Amino acid sequence: MNTDKLLAESIAKDYAPKEDSKIVALKKLDTRAKLPANVFAYSWGIVFALVFGTGMSLAMQVIGNSMMLGIVVGIVGIIGCGVNYPIYKKLLEKGKAKYAYEIVQLAREIADK
């Protein structure tokens, strides 16, 4: 057994152009459909969690001396966090609807093999 030949073939495989399989294409389409909703949900959630935390800090007078302002800012943060999931679901449905035909068609091609 020629180990040098096996090693050379193994290294050559790493540098050879790879063919995309249909499964990889299907996963890419699925990611493309879900990515905008995920990015929005994480961004929105982080921003309004920070707003809520700022409101709590203001209400407990850790920063500033305005309890009422802190309560108002905290309520805005709670509302922002509360509407995050419904907005995410709408964006996810929209993304899935946009790529549904391509995904279903490719999935059927894979299943028919």
Protein backbone atom coordinates (compact mmCIF):
# COMPACT_ATOMS: atom_id res chain seq x y z
CA MET A 1 0.00 0.00 0.00
CA ASN A 2 1.48 3.30 -1.08
CA THR A 3 0.83 5.79 1.73
CA ASP A 4 2.40 8.66 -0.20
CA LYS A 5 -0.14 8.19 -2.97
CA LEU A 6 -3.03 8.09 -0.49
CA LEU A 7 -1.76 11.22 1.25
CA ALA A 8 -1.36 13.05 -2.06
CA GLU A 9 -4.91 12.11 -3.11
CA SER A 10 -6.28 13.22 0.27
CA ILE A 11 -4.61 16.62 -0.02
CA ALA A 12 -5.69 17.00 -3.64
CA LYS A 13 -9.34 16.43 -2.64
CA ASP A 14 -9.16 19.45 -0.34
CA TYR A 15 -8.11 21.72 -3.22
CA ALA A 16 -10.25 20.24 -5.99
CA PRO A 17 -13.40 22.17 -6.93
CA LYS A 18 -16.35 20.73 -5.10
CA GLU A 19 -19.67 20.04 -6.72
CA ASP A 20 -22.67 21.32 -4.81
CA SER A 21 -25.15 18.61 -4.14
CA LYS A 22 -28.87 19.18 -4.15
CA ILE A 23 -29.00 18.76 -0.39
CA VAL A 24 -26.49 21.61 0.06
CA ALA A 25 -28.53 23.76 -2.32
CA LEU A 26 -31.69 22.94 -0.37
CA LYS A 27 -30.03 23.92 2.92
CA LYS A 28 -28.82 27.19 1.38
CA LEU A 29 -32.33 28.03 0.18
CA ASP A 30 -33.73 27.21 3.61
CA THR A 31 -31.16 29.48 5.25
CA ARG A 32 -31.86 32.23 2.73
CA ALA A 33 -35.56 32.03 3.56
CA LYS A 34 -35.05 32.21 7.33
CA LEU A 35 -32.05 34.55 7.66
CA PRO A 36 -33.82 37.94 7.39
CA ALA A 37 -36.34 36.99 10.08
CA ASN A 38 -33.60 35.71 12.39
CA VAL A 39 -31.40 38.78 11.95
CA PHE A 40 -34.35 41.07 12.61
CA ALA A 41 -35.50 39.13 15.68
CA TYR A 42 -32.07 39.11 17.30
CA SER A 43 -31.41 42.78 16.53
CA TRP A 44 -34.85 43.93 17.68
CA GLY A 45 -34.64 41.79 20.82
CA ILE A 46 -31.21 43.08 21.79
CA VAL A 47 -32.18 46.72 21.26
CA PHE A 48 -35.38 46.51 23.28
CA ALA A 49 -33.78 44.43 26.03
CA LEU A 50 -31.27 47.25 26.40
CA VAL A 51 -34.10 49.80 26.41
CA PHE A 52 -35.87 47.78 29.11
CA GLY A 53 -32.67 47.56 31.15
CA THR A 54 -32.14 51.29 30.83
CA GLY A 55 -35.68 51.87 32.05
CA MET A 56 -35.11 49.61 35.03
CA SER A 57 -31.90 51.44 35.88
CA LEU A 58 -33.65 54.78 35.65
CA ALA A 59 -36.60 53.57 37.74
CA MET A 60 -34.31 52.26 40.49
CA GLN A 61 -32.39 55.53 40.27
CA VAL A 62 -29.11 53.79 39.51
CA ILE A 63 -28.62 56.23 36.66
CA GLY A 64 -30.42 59.55 36.95
CA ASN A 65 -33.11 60.56 39.39
CA SER A 66 -36.27 60.18 37.32
CA MET A 67 -38.39 57.23 38.38
CA MET A 68 -41.30 58.13 36.08
CA LEU A 69 -39.03 58.36 33.03
CA GLY A 70 -37.62 54.97 33.96
CA ILE A 71 -41.07 53.42 34.16
CA VAL A 72 -42.02 54.84 30.76
CA VAL A 73 -38.76 53.68 29.14
CA GLY A 74 -39.17 50.25 30.77
CA ILE A 75 -42.71 49.90 29.43
CA VAL A 76 -41.49 50.81 25.95
CA GLY A 77 -38.82 48.10 26.31
CA ILE A 78 -41.38 45.52 27.46
CA ILE A 79 -43.69 46.34 24.56
CA GLY A 80 -40.79 46.14 22.10
CA CYS A 81 -39.77 42.73 23.42
CA GLY A 82 -43.38 41.59 23.42
CA VAL A 83 -44.01 42.36 19.76
CA ASN A 84 -40.73 40.78 18.66
CA TYR A 85 -42.09 37.26 18.24
CA PRO A 86 -45.21 38.17 16.22
CA ILE A 87 -43.10 40.31 13.88
CA TYR A 88 -40.59 37.46 13.58
CA LYS A 89 -43.36 35.01 12.66
CA LYS A 90 -44.68 37.37 9.96
CA LEU A 91 -41.22 37.87 8.47
CA LEU A 92 -40.56 34.12 8.58
CA GLU A 93 -43.84 33.37 6.78
CA LYS A 94 -42.97 35.99 4.17
CA GLY A 95 -39.50 34.50 3.62
CA LYS A 96 -40.87 30.97 3.41
CA ALA A 97 -43.52 32.05 0.92
CA LYS A 98 -40.88 33.74 -1.22
CA TYR A 99 -38.74 30.59 -1.54
CA ALA A 100 -41.44 27.94 -1.12
CA TYR A 101 -41.70 27.01 -4.80
CA GLU A 102 -37.94 26.54 -5.24
CA ILE A 103 -37.57 24.60 -1.99
CA VAL A 104 -40.48 22.28 -2.70
CA GLN A 105 -39.31 21.67 -6.26
CA LEU A 106 -35.77 20.84 -5.15
CA ALA A 107 -37.03 18.65 -2.31
CA ARG A 108 -39.18 16.67 -4.74
CA GLU A 109 -36.18 16.18 -7.04
CA ILE A 110 -34.19 14.83 -4.12
CA ALA A 111 -37.03 12.58 -2.96
CA ASP A 112 -37.60 11.16 -6.43
CA LYS A 113 -34.01 9.91 -6.76
